[in-house]
Amino acid sequence: MGLSESKRRSKYSLLLNKVTYYILEFNKERFFVRLLVLLIIFLTPTSLLAHGTIIISNVEHDEGYIDVKIYKDKESFLKEDLAFEVVRKKATKGETIIPLSKIHEGEIAIVVYHDEDSNNELKTGFFWRPKEGFAFSNNYQPKGPPKFSKAAINLTHGEPVTIELNY
């Protein structure tokens, strides 16, 4: 029994020496760098790492802004104060790329217009026909009041959505 007792003591002694080394002798700088990297990886929101993107094509000129409104259901559709996400970006001729920060997948409807005179309003003419560039997702061109179900698309994580403006 004395032999197994000494083996047990040597195992505990070895373990105690290792613990003491790690407590007293470990490289503090390296430890904190590794801890910081792990915290950044685990605490960074996924929305910063992978977000949705909308590509607005057929932008006639770079005057004014491109307004994008995202709706998640028919109850909020076209009610600007109930839009899930609103993005306003300076227009660029040809294509304007709109990054989304709040949503990256799911069923949505997108409404876009080119606010050419920067007055925050869509100019309309006879029978409320838009005088500025506009578009809906799903290449929807309404013949009457727009409907969520016709403009709805399924936004897939990591895949950009292209919408062509109509003037």
Protein backbone atom coordinates (compact mmCIF):
# COMPACT_ATOMS: atom_id res chain seq x y z
CA MET A 1 0.00 0.00 0.00
CA GLY A 2 2.87 2.33 0.62
CA LEU A 3 3.88 2.17 -3.04
CA SER A 4 0.48 3.18 -4.42
CA GLU A 5 0.29 5.94 -1.83
CA SER A 6 3.59 7.40 -3.07
CA LYS A 7 2.42 7.18 -6.72
CA ARG A 8 -0.73 9.04 -5.78
CA ARG A 9 1.30 11.71 -4.00
CA SER A 10 3.63 12.11 -6.99
CA LYS A 11 0.62 12.51 -9.35
CA TYR A 12 -0.84 15.20 -7.09
CA SER A 13 2.57 16.80 -6.72
CA LEU A 14 3.00 16.89 -10.52
CA LEU A 15 -0.50 18.34 -10.96
CA LEU A 16 0.17 20.93 -8.25
CA ASN A 17 3.42 21.93 -9.99
CA LYS A 18 1.63 22.39 -13.34
CA VAL A 19 -1.13 24.48 -11.79
CA THR A 20 1.43 26.61 -9.95
CA TYR A 21 3.34 27.16 -13.21
CA TYR A 22 0.22 28.26 -15.09
CA ILE A 23 -0.84 30.57 -12.30
CA LEU A 24 2.55 32.17 -11.66
CA GLU A 25 4.49 31.81 -14.91
CA PHE A 26 2.00 32.00 -17.81
CA ASN A 27 2.41 34.69 -20.45
CA LYS A 28 -0.20 37.27 -19.41
CA GLU A 29 0.06 39.28 -22.62
CA ARG A 30 -0.57 36.26 -24.81
CA PHE A 31 -3.47 35.17 -22.62
CA PHE A 32 -5.21 38.53 -22.87
CA VAL A 33 -4.70 38.74 -26.64
CA ARG A 34 -6.29 35.30 -27.05
CA LEU A 35 -9.12 36.24 -24.70
CA LEU A 36 -9.74 39.47 -26.63
CA VAL A 37 -9.85 37.64 -29.98
CA LEU A 38 -12.32 35.09 -28.60
CA LEU A 39 -14.54 37.82 -27.15
CA ILE A 40 -14.59 39.68 -30.48
CA ILE A 41 -15.50 36.52 -32.38
CA PHE A 42 -18.28 35.48 -30.02
CA LEU A 43 -19.74 38.89 -29.26
CA THR A 44 -19.78 40.37 -32.78
CA PRO A 45 -23.38 40.42 -34.02
CA THR A 46 -23.97 38.31 -37.10
CA SER A 47 -25.68 41.27 -38.76
CA LEU A 48 -22.26 42.95 -39.00
CA LEU A 49 -20.66 39.89 -40.52
CA ALA A 50 -23.32 39.07 -43.11
CA HIS A 51 -26.07 41.48 -44.08
CA GLY A 52 -28.49 41.77 -46.94
CA THR A 53 -27.70 43.90 -49.97
CA ILE A 54 -30.00 45.54 -52.50
CA ILE A 55 -28.65 46.61 -55.88
CA ILE A 56 -30.73 49.37 -57.47
CA SER A 57 -30.12 49.34 -61.24
CA ASN A 58 -31.16 51.70 -64.04
CA VAL A 59 -30.49 54.84 -61.95
CA GLU A 60 -30.65 57.59 -64.61
CA HIS A 61 -28.44 60.16 -62.85
CA ASP A 62 -26.66 60.91 -59.60
CA GLU A 63 -28.86 63.79 -58.45
CA GLY A 64 -30.82 63.30 -55.23
CA TYR A 65 -31.20 60.18 -53.12
CA ILE A 66 -32.39 56.61 -53.40
CA ASP A 67 -34.98 55.82 -50.73
CA VAL A 68 -35.54 52.18 -49.80
CA LYS A 69 -38.21 50.92 -47.44
CA ILE A 70 -38.48 47.29 -46.30
CA TYR A 71 -41.79 45.83 -45.12
CA LYS A 72 -42.28 42.45 -43.44
CA ASP A 73 -46.08 42.05 -43.67
CA LYS A 74 -49.18 43.29 -45.46
CA GLU A 75 -50.41 45.21 -42.39
CA SER A 76 -47.40 47.55 -42.48
CA PHE A 77 -46.97 47.67 -46.28
CA LEU A 78 -46.71 51.24 -47.63
CA LYS A 79 -47.14 52.74 -44.15
CA GLU A 80 -43.80 54.53 -44.00
CA ASP A 81 -43.76 54.86 -40.22
CA LEU A 82 -44.20 51.05 -39.93
CA ALA A 83 -41.40 50.10 -42.34
CA PHE A 84 -39.07 47.50 -40.81
CA GLU A 85 -35.99 49.20 -42.26
CA VAL A 86 -35.52 52.53 -44.04
CA VAL A 87 -32.34 53.39 -45.96
CA ARG A 88 -31.63 56.67 -47.77
CA LYS A 89 -28.44 56.84 -49.82
CA LYS A 90 -26.97 59.31 -52.32
CA ALA A 91 -27.84 58.19 -55.84
CA THR A 92 -25.11 56.98 -58.16
CA LYS A 93 -25.73 56.80 -61.91
CA GLY A 94 -26.17 53.25 -63.18
CA GLU A 95 -26.27 51.31 -59.92
CA THR A 96 -26.68 52.24 -56.28
CA ILE A 97 -25.83 49.59 -53.70
CA ILE A 98 -27.88 49.62 -50.52
CA PRO A 99 -26.58 47.63 -47.54
CA LEU A 100 -29.20 46.41 -45.06
CA SER A 101 -28.38 46.28 -41.37
CA LYS A 102 -31.56 45.02 -39.70
CA ILE A 103 -32.57 42.10 -41.88
CA HIS A 104 -30.74 39.46 -43.88
CA GLU A 105 -33.34 36.78 -44.60
CA GLY A 106 -37.07 36.10 -44.67
CA GLU A 107 -40.13 37.28 -46.58
CA ILE A 108 -40.06 41.01 -47.31
CA ALA A 109 -41.38 43.56 -49.77
CA ILE A 110 -39.11 46.36 -50.95
CA VAL A 111 -40.25 49.78 -52.14
CA VAL A 112 -37.68 52.03 -53.84
CA TYR A 113 -37.87 55.51 -55.29
CA HIS A 114 -35.37 58.01 -56.64
CA ASP A 115 -35.91 61.25 -54.73
CA GLU A 116 -34.41 63.35 -57.52
CA ASP A 117 -35.13 66.74 -55.93
CA SER A 118 -34.20 65.63 -52.37
CA ASN A 119 -37.54 66.73 -50.88
CA ASN A 120 -38.29 63.38 -49.14
CA GLU A 121 -41.44 62.91 -51.22
CA LEU A 122 -42.28 60.89 -54.33
CA LYS A 123 -43.56 63.30 -56.98
CA THR A 124 -46.70 62.07 -58.67
CA GLY A 125 -48.66 63.24 -61.67
CA PHE A 126 -51.99 62.36 -63.26
CA PHE A 127 -53.75 59.52 -61.39
CA TRP A 128 -50.87 59.48 -58.86
CA ARG A 129 -48.46 58.08 -61.46
CA PRO A 130 -44.88 58.62 -60.13
CA LYS A 131 -42.80 61.28 -61.89
CA GLU A 132 -39.57 60.08 -60.25
CA GLY A 133 -37.93 56.68 -60.62
CA PHE A 134 -39.62 53.98 -58.54
CA ALA A 135 -39.77 50.20 -58.22
CA PHE A 136 -41.05 47.31 -56.12
CA SER A 137 -39.34 44.04 -55.37
CA ASN A 138 -40.31 40.99 -57.45
CA ASN A 139 -40.39 43.24 -60.58
CA TYR A 140 -43.92 44.12 -59.53
CA GLN A 141 -45.56 46.92 -61.53
CA PRO A 142 -48.99 47.55 -60.00
CA LYS A 143 -51.95 48.46 -62.16
CA GLY A 144 -53.86 49.68 -59.11
CA PRO A 145 -53.10 49.99 -55.40
CA PRO A 146 -49.88 48.01 -54.69
CA LYS A 147 -50.20 44.72 -52.76
CA PHE A 148 -47.68 43.18 -50.38
CA SER A 149 -48.29 39.68 -51.72
CA LYS A 150 -47.33 40.73 -55.26
CA ALA A 151 -44.15 42.57 -54.19
CA ALA A 152 -43.04 39.99 -51.59
CA ILE A 153 -39.79 38.12 -52.11
CA ASN A 154 -37.84 35.66 -50.01
CA LEU A 155 -34.58 37.34 -49.01
CA THR A 156 -31.88 34.66 -48.80
CA HIS A 157 -28.90 35.13 -46.51
CA GLY A 158 -25.89 36.33 -48.49
CA GLU A 159 -27.66 36.75 -51.86
CA PRO A 160 -28.10 40.33 -53.14
CA VAL A 161 -31.45 41.48 -54.52
CA THR A 162 -31.48 43.50 -57.75
CA ILE A 163 -34.30 45.96 -58.39
CA GLU A 164 -34.60 47.99 -61.60
CA LEU A 165 -35.97 51.52 -61.33
CA ASN A 166 -38.77 52.58 -63.68
CA TYR A 167 -38.92 56.22 -64.81
